[in-house]
């Protein structure tokens, strides 16, 4: 089990890497800090659970009173992967998000302020 100091150091490294990636893409804003922190926590949890999964010789199924079922650690890892991917997409850290953000920038740059207004037109803010 890693010590608190090791966990804090690894969390800090993840946060710095995400910030660096966002800054390199021109996407970083201080408002993203809570999302970056949550992403770092998920990454730490994922790394820890993956290590447990590996150390237990990759148990995919477990025996229950009614038969076999997917091991809880597998379900948890799958859920974490999905949540992390959602955060990565939202923060702009995946190729898919890059493509979306590039298209949005082109549209905004091409139309300027009027393109932004057109995009907002018809949106329900209630």
N, C-alpha and C. Protein backbone atom coordinates (compact mmCIF):
# COMPACT_ATOMS: atom_id res chain seq x y z
N UNK A 1 0.86 -1.19 0.00
CA UNK A 1 0.00 0.00 0.00
C UNK A 1 0.90 1.24 0.00
N UNK A 2 0.67 2.15 -0.96
CA UNK A 2 1.49 3.36 -1.00
C UNK A 2 1.21 4.27 0.20
N UNK A 3 2.21 5.02 0.57
CA UNK A 3 2.06 5.95 1.68
C UNK A 3 1.31 7.19 1.21
N UNK A 4 0.82 7.99 2.18
CA UNK A 4 0.11 9.22 1.83
C UNK A 4 1.01 10.15 1.02
N UNK A 5 2.28 10.20 1.38
CA UNK A 5 3.21 11.07 0.66
C UNK A 5 3.35 10.64 -0.79
N UNK A 6 3.44 9.32 -1.01
CA UNK A 6 3.55 8.79 -2.37
C UNK A 6 2.29 9.10 -3.17
N UNK A 7 1.15 8.92 -2.56
CA UNK A 7 -0.12 9.20 -3.23
C UNK A 7 -0.22 10.67 -3.60
N UNK A 8 0.13 11.56 -2.67
CA UNK A 8 0.08 13.00 -2.96
C UNK A 8 1.04 13.36 -4.09
N UNK A 9 2.20 12.75 -4.09
CA UNK A 9 3.19 13.03 -5.13
C UNK A 9 2.68 12.56 -6.50
N UNK A 10 2.11 11.35 -6.56
CA UNK A 10 1.57 10.83 -7.81
C UNK A 10 0.38 11.66 -8.29
N UNK A 11 -0.47 12.09 -7.35
CA UNK A 11 -1.62 12.93 -7.71
C UNK A 11 -1.14 14.25 -8.28
N UNK A 12 -0.14 14.84 -7.63
CA UNK A 12 0.43 16.10 -8.12
C UNK A 12 1.01 15.95 -9.52
N UNK A 13 1.65 14.82 -9.77
CA UNK A 13 2.23 14.58 -11.09
C UNK A 13 1.13 14.49 -12.15
N UNK A 14 0.05 13.79 -11.85
CA UNK A 14 -1.07 13.68 -12.80
C UNK A 14 -1.66 15.05 -13.07
N UNK A 15 -1.89 15.83 -12.02
CA UNK A 15 -2.46 17.18 -12.17
C UNK A 15 -1.55 18.03 -13.05
N UNK A 16 -0.26 17.99 -12.79
CA UNK A 16 0.69 18.79 -13.60
C UNK A 16 0.68 18.35 -15.06
N UNK A 17 0.62 17.05 -15.31
CA UNK A 17 0.60 16.55 -16.69
C UNK A 17 -0.66 17.00 -17.43
N UNK A 18 -1.81 16.92 -16.75
CA UNK A 18 -3.06 17.35 -17.39
C UNK A 18 -3.01 18.85 -17.67
N UNK A 19 -2.57 19.62 -16.69
CA UNK A 19 -2.44 21.07 -16.88
C UNK A 19 -1.54 21.39 -18.07
N UNK A 20 -0.40 20.70 -18.12
CA UNK A 20 0.57 20.92 -19.20
C UNK A 20 -0.07 20.63 -20.56
N UNK A 21 -0.80 19.51 -20.65
CA UNK A 21 -1.48 19.16 -21.91
C UNK A 21 -2.51 20.21 -22.30
N UNK A 22 -3.29 20.66 -21.31
CA UNK A 22 -4.31 21.68 -21.60
C UNK A 22 -3.67 23.00 -22.00
N UNK A 23 -2.61 23.38 -21.33
CA UNK A 23 -1.91 24.63 -21.67
C UNK A 23 -1.33 24.56 -23.07
N UNK A 24 -0.76 23.40 -23.43
CA UNK A 24 -0.17 23.24 -24.77
C UNK A 24 -1.22 23.38 -25.86
N UNK A 25 -2.45 23.01 -25.55
CA UNK A 25 -3.55 23.12 -26.52
C UNK A 25 -4.28 24.45 -26.43
N UNK A 26 -3.87 25.28 -25.47
CA UNK A 26 -4.53 26.57 -25.29
C UNK A 26 -5.90 26.45 -24.65
N UNK A 27 -6.11 25.38 -23.88
CA UNK A 27 -7.42 25.12 -23.28
C UNK A 27 -7.46 25.33 -21.78
N UNK A 28 -6.32 25.50 -21.15
CA UNK A 28 -6.30 25.55 -19.69
C UNK A 28 -6.97 26.82 -19.16
N UNK A 29 -7.74 26.62 -18.12
CA UNK A 29 -8.34 27.72 -17.37
C UNK A 29 -8.41 27.27 -15.92
N UNK A 30 -8.25 28.20 -15.01
CA UNK A 30 -8.26 27.87 -13.58
C UNK A 30 -9.60 27.23 -13.17
N UNK A 31 -10.65 27.51 -13.92
CA UNK A 31 -11.96 26.92 -13.61
C UNK A 31 -11.96 25.40 -13.80
N UNK A 32 -10.98 24.87 -14.54
CA UNK A 32 -10.89 23.43 -14.75
C UNK A 32 -10.26 22.68 -13.58
N UNK A 33 -9.70 23.39 -12.63
CA UNK A 33 -8.97 22.74 -11.53
C UNK A 33 -9.79 21.67 -10.80
N UNK A 34 -11.07 21.93 -10.44
CA UNK A 34 -11.82 20.85 -9.77
C UNK A 34 -11.96 19.60 -10.64
N UNK A 35 -12.20 19.78 -11.93
CA UNK A 35 -12.32 18.63 -12.83
C UNK A 35 -10.97 17.91 -12.96
N UNK A 36 -9.90 18.67 -13.04
CA UNK A 36 -8.56 18.07 -13.12
C UNK A 36 -8.27 17.27 -11.86
N UNK A 37 -8.64 17.82 -10.70
CA UNK A 37 -8.41 17.12 -9.43
C UNK A 37 -9.22 15.82 -9.37
N UNK A 38 -10.48 15.86 -9.81
CA UNK A 38 -11.30 14.64 -9.82
C UNK A 38 -10.70 13.61 -10.78
N UNK A 39 -10.25 14.08 -11.93
CA UNK A 39 -9.64 13.17 -12.89
C UNK A 39 -8.39 12.52 -12.29
N UNK A 40 -7.58 13.29 -11.61
CA UNK A 40 -6.36 12.75 -10.98
C UNK A 40 -6.74 11.70 -9.93
N UNK A 41 -7.78 11.97 -9.15
CA UNK A 41 -8.22 10.99 -8.15
C UNK A 41 -8.69 9.70 -8.81
N UNK A 42 -9.44 9.83 -9.91
CA UNK A 42 -9.89 8.64 -10.62
C UNK A 42 -8.71 7.85 -11.18
N UNK A 43 -7.72 8.57 -11.71
CA UNK A 43 -6.54 7.91 -12.26
C UNK A 43 -5.79 7.14 -11.17
N UNK A 44 -5.66 7.75 -10.00
CA UNK A 44 -5.00 7.06 -8.88
C UNK A 44 -5.77 5.81 -8.48
N UNK A 45 -7.09 5.93 -8.38
CA UNK A 45 -7.92 4.79 -8.00
C UNK A 45 -7.80 3.69 -9.06
N UNK A 46 -7.83 4.09 -10.31
CA UNK A 46 -7.71 3.12 -11.41
C UNK A 46 -6.37 2.40 -11.35
N UNK A 47 -5.30 3.13 -11.14
CA UNK A 47 -3.97 2.52 -11.04
C UNK A 47 -3.89 1.55 -9.88
N UNK A 48 -4.46 1.94 -8.73
CA UNK A 48 -4.44 1.08 -7.55
C UNK A 48 -5.23 -0.21 -7.79
N UNK A 49 -6.43 -0.06 -8.34
CA UNK A 49 -7.26 -1.24 -8.59
C UNK A 49 -6.66 -2.14 -9.66
N UNK A 50 -6.03 -1.56 -10.66
CA UNK A 50 -5.37 -2.36 -11.68
C UNK A 50 -4.23 -3.18 -11.07
N UNK A 51 -3.48 -2.57 -10.18
CA UNK A 51 -2.40 -3.30 -9.50
C UNK A 51 -2.96 -4.46 -8.68
N UNK A 52 -4.08 -4.23 -7.99
CA UNK A 52 -4.72 -5.32 -7.24
C UNK A 52 -5.20 -6.43 -8.17
N UNK A 53 -5.80 -6.02 -9.27
CA UNK A 53 -6.31 -6.98 -10.25
C UNK A 53 -5.18 -7.84 -10.80
N UNK A 54 -4.06 -7.21 -11.12
CA UNK A 54 -2.91 -7.94 -11.64
C UNK A 54 -2.33 -8.86 -10.57
N UNK A 55 -2.22 -8.37 -9.35
CA UNK A 55 -1.62 -9.19 -8.28
C UNK A 55 -2.48 -10.40 -7.93
N UNK A 56 -3.79 -10.33 -8.25
CA UNK A 56 -4.68 -11.47 -8.01
C UNK A 56 -4.81 -12.37 -9.24
N UNK A 57 -3.87 -12.26 -10.17
CA UNK A 57 -3.86 -13.07 -11.40
C UNK A 57 -5.09 -12.84 -12.27
N UNK A 58 -5.53 -11.62 -12.39
CA UNK A 58 -6.60 -11.22 -13.31
C UNK A 58 -7.89 -12.02 -13.13
N UNK A 59 -8.51 -11.96 -11.97
CA UNK A 59 -9.76 -12.73 -11.76
C UNK A 59 -10.94 -12.06 -12.47
N UNK A 60 -11.36 -12.61 -13.61
CA UNK A 60 -12.47 -12.00 -14.35
C UNK A 60 -13.82 -12.43 -13.77
N UNK A 61 -13.91 -13.68 -13.34
CA UNK A 61 -15.16 -14.19 -12.78
C UNK A 61 -14.93 -14.68 -11.36
N UNK A 62 -16.00 -14.59 -10.56
CA UNK A 62 -15.96 -15.10 -9.20
C UNK A 62 -17.15 -16.04 -9.00
N UNK A 63 -16.95 -17.00 -8.14
CA UNK A 63 -18.02 -17.94 -7.81
C UNK A 63 -18.95 -17.32 -6.78
N UNK A 64 -20.23 -17.50 -6.98
CA UNK A 64 -21.24 -17.05 -6.01
C UNK A 64 -22.14 -18.24 -5.69
N UNK A 65 -23.10 -18.02 -4.81
CA UNK A 65 -24.02 -19.10 -4.46
C UNK A 65 -24.89 -19.51 -5.65
N UNK A 66 -25.10 -18.57 -6.57
CA UNK A 66 -25.96 -18.86 -7.72
C UNK A 66 -25.19 -19.16 -8.99
N UNK A 67 -23.86 -19.25 -8.91
CA UNK A 67 -23.05 -19.54 -10.08
C UNK A 67 -21.85 -18.61 -10.15
N UNK A 68 -21.49 -18.22 -11.36
CA UNK A 68 -20.38 -17.30 -11.52
C UNK A 68 -20.89 -15.96 -12.03
N UNK A 69 -20.14 -14.93 -11.67
CA UNK A 69 -20.46 -13.59 -12.17
C UNK A 69 -19.16 -12.82 -12.36
N UNK A 70 -19.27 -11.71 -13.05
CA UNK A 70 -18.10 -10.87 -13.27
C UNK A 70 -17.59 -10.38 -11.92
N UNK A 71 -16.28 -10.41 -11.75
CA UNK A 71 -15.67 -9.97 -10.50
C UNK A 71 -15.96 -8.49 -10.28
N UNK A 72 -16.28 -8.10 -9.05
CA UNK A 72 -16.57 -6.69 -8.76
C UNK A 72 -15.45 -5.75 -9.18
N UNK A 73 -14.20 -6.19 -9.07
CA UNK A 73 -13.09 -5.31 -9.45
C UNK A 73 -13.11 -5.02 -10.95
N UNK A 74 -13.55 -6.00 -11.74
CA UNK A 74 -13.65 -5.80 -13.19
C UNK A 74 -14.72 -4.76 -13.51
N UNK A 75 -15.86 -4.87 -12.86
CA UNK A 75 -16.93 -3.90 -13.06
C UNK A 75 -16.48 -2.50 -12.65
N UNK A 76 -15.79 -2.41 -11.54
CA UNK A 76 -15.30 -1.11 -11.07
C UNK A 76 -14.29 -0.52 -12.04
N UNK A 77 -13.37 -1.33 -12.53
CA UNK A 77 -12.38 -0.86 -13.50
C UNK A 77 -13.06 -0.38 -14.79
N UNK A 78 -14.07 -1.12 -15.24
CA UNK A 78 -14.79 -0.71 -16.45
C UNK A 78 -15.49 0.63 -16.24
N UNK A 79 -16.11 0.80 -15.08
CA UNK A 79 -16.79 2.07 -14.78
C UNK A 79 -15.80 3.22 -14.71
N UNK A 80 -14.68 2.98 -14.06
CA UNK A 80 -13.65 4.02 -13.96
C UNK A 80 -13.13 4.40 -15.35
N UNK A 81 -12.92 3.41 -16.20
CA UNK A 81 -12.45 3.70 -17.57
C UNK A 81 -13.44 4.60 -18.29
N UNK A 82 -14.72 4.30 -18.17
CA UNK A 82 -15.75 5.10 -18.83
C UNK A 82 -15.78 6.53 -18.28
N UNK A 83 -15.71 6.66 -16.96
CA UNK A 83 -15.72 8.00 -16.35
C UNK A 83 -14.48 8.79 -16.74
N UNK A 84 -13.33 8.12 -16.75
CA UNK A 84 -12.09 8.81 -17.11
C UNK A 84 -12.13 9.27 -18.56
N UNK A 85 -12.67 8.44 -19.43
CA UNK A 85 -12.78 8.82 -20.84
C UNK A 85 -13.72 10.02 -20.99
N UNK A 86 -14.80 10.04 -20.23
CA UNK A 86 -15.72 11.19 -20.27
C UNK A 86 -15.00 12.46 -19.83
N UNK A 87 -14.22 12.39 -18.77
CA UNK A 87 -13.45 13.55 -18.31
C UNK A 87 -12.41 13.96 -19.35
N UNK A 88 -11.72 12.98 -19.93
CA UNK A 88 -10.72 13.29 -20.95
C UNK A 88 -11.35 13.98 -22.15
N UNK A 89 -12.53 13.51 -22.56
CA UNK A 89 -13.24 14.15 -23.67
C UNK A 89 -13.67 15.56 -23.30
N UNK A 90 -14.19 15.72 -22.09
CA UNK A 90 -14.65 17.04 -21.66
C UNK A 90 -13.49 18.03 -21.55
N UNK A 91 -12.36 17.56 -21.10
CA UNK A 91 -11.19 18.44 -20.94
C UNK A 91 -10.44 18.66 -22.25
N UNK A 92 -10.75 17.87 -23.28
CA UNK A 92 -10.06 18.03 -24.55
C UNK A 92 -8.77 17.25 -24.65
N UNK A 93 -8.69 16.11 -23.99
CA UNK A 93 -7.45 15.34 -23.92
C UNK A 93 -7.44 14.11 -24.83
N UNK A 94 -8.45 13.96 -25.69
CA UNK A 94 -8.48 12.81 -26.59
C UNK A 94 -8.49 13.29 -28.04
N UNK A 95 -8.12 12.43 -28.98
CA UNK A 95 -8.19 12.82 -30.39
C UNK A 95 -9.59 13.26 -30.82
N UNK A 96 -10.59 12.57 -30.31
CA UNK A 96 -11.98 12.93 -30.63
C UNK A 96 -12.29 14.35 -30.15
N UNK A 97 -11.89 14.65 -28.94
CA UNK A 97 -12.12 15.99 -28.39
C UNK A 97 -11.31 17.03 -29.16
N UNK A 98 -10.07 16.67 -29.55
CA UNK A 98 -9.25 17.57 -30.36
C UNK A 98 -9.96 17.95 -31.64
N UNK A 99 -10.52 16.94 -32.32
CA UNK A 99 -11.21 17.18 -33.57
C UNK A 99 -12.41 18.11 -33.35
N UNK A 100 -13.19 17.83 -32.31
CA UNK A 100 -14.37 18.65 -32.00
C UNK A 100 -13.96 20.08 -31.70
N UNK A 101 -12.94 20.25 -30.88
CA UNK A 101 -12.51 21.60 -30.50
C UNK A 101 -11.92 22.36 -31.68
N UNK A 102 -11.20 21.65 -32.55
CA UNK A 102 -10.65 22.29 -33.74
C UNK A 102 -11.77 22.79 -34.65
N UNK A 103 -12.80 21.96 -34.82
CA UNK A 103 -13.94 22.36 -35.65
C UNK A 103 -14.65 23.58 -35.04
N UNK A 104 -14.82 23.56 -33.72
CA UNK A 104 -15.47 24.70 -33.06
C UNK A 104 -14.65 25.97 -33.22
N UNK A 105 -13.34 25.86 -33.12
CA UNK A 105 -12.47 27.04 -33.29
C UNK A 105 -12.56 27.59 -34.70
N UNK A 106 -12.57 26.68 -35.70
CA UNK A 106 -12.68 27.12 -37.09
C UNK A 106 -13.99 27.86 -37.32
N UNK A 107 -15.07 27.31 -36.78
CA UNK A 107 -16.37 27.94 -36.94
C UNK A 107 -16.39 29.30 -36.27
N UNK A 108 -15.85 29.37 -35.07
CA UNK A 108 -15.83 30.64 -34.34
C UNK A 108 -14.93 31.64 -35.03
N UNK A 109 -13.77 31.19 -35.49
CA UNK A 109 -12.84 32.10 -36.16
C UNK A 109 -13.41 32.60 -37.48
N UNK A 110 -14.09 31.72 -38.20
CA UNK A 110 -14.64 32.10 -39.49
C UNK A 110 -15.77 33.11 -39.35
N UNK A 111 -16.60 32.94 -38.35
CA UNK A 111 -17.76 33.81 -38.22
C UNK A 111 -17.63 34.85 -37.14
N UNK A 112 -16.60 34.74 -36.31
CA UNK A 112 -16.41 35.70 -35.24
C UNK A 112 -17.58 35.71 -34.27
N UNK A 113 -17.91 36.90 -33.82
CA UNK A 113 -18.95 37.08 -32.81
C UNK A 113 -20.31 36.63 -33.32
N UNK A 114 -20.59 36.84 -34.60
CA UNK A 114 -21.88 36.44 -35.14
C UNK A 114 -22.06 34.93 -35.11
N UNK A 115 -20.96 34.18 -35.32
CA UNK A 115 -21.04 32.72 -35.24
C UNK A 115 -21.38 32.26 -33.83
N UNK A 116 -20.81 32.94 -32.87
CA UNK A 116 -21.11 32.60 -31.47
C UNK A 116 -22.58 32.86 -31.17
N UNK A 117 -23.07 34.01 -31.61
CA UNK A 117 -24.48 34.35 -31.38
C UNK A 117 -25.40 33.37 -32.08
N UNK A 118 -25.05 32.98 -33.31
CA UNK A 118 -25.86 32.01 -34.03
C UNK A 118 -25.89 30.66 -33.32
N UNK A 119 -24.77 30.30 -32.75
CA UNK A 119 -24.70 29.04 -32.02
C UNK A 119 -25.58 29.09 -30.77
N UNK A 120 -25.60 30.23 -30.13
CA UNK A 120 -26.40 30.39 -28.92
C UNK A 120 -27.88 30.56 -29.23
N UNK A 121 -28.19 31.06 -30.41
CA UNK A 121 -29.58 31.28 -30.81
C UNK A 121 -30.33 29.96 -30.80
N UNK A 122 -31.43 29.96 -30.16
CA UNK A 122 -32.25 28.77 -30.11
C UNK A 122 -31.94 27.84 -28.94
N UNK A 123 -30.88 28.12 -28.19
CA UNK A 123 -30.58 27.29 -27.01
C UNK A 123 -31.50 27.71 -25.88
N UNK A 124 -31.95 26.75 -25.14
CA UNK A 124 -32.84 27.01 -24.02
C UNK A 124 -32.02 27.16 -22.74
N UNK A 125 -32.03 28.33 -22.15
CA UNK A 125 -31.24 28.58 -20.94
C UNK A 125 -32.08 28.62 -19.68
N UNK A 126 -33.31 28.22 -19.79
CA UNK A 126 -34.19 28.24 -18.59
C UNK A 126 -33.92 27.09 -17.70
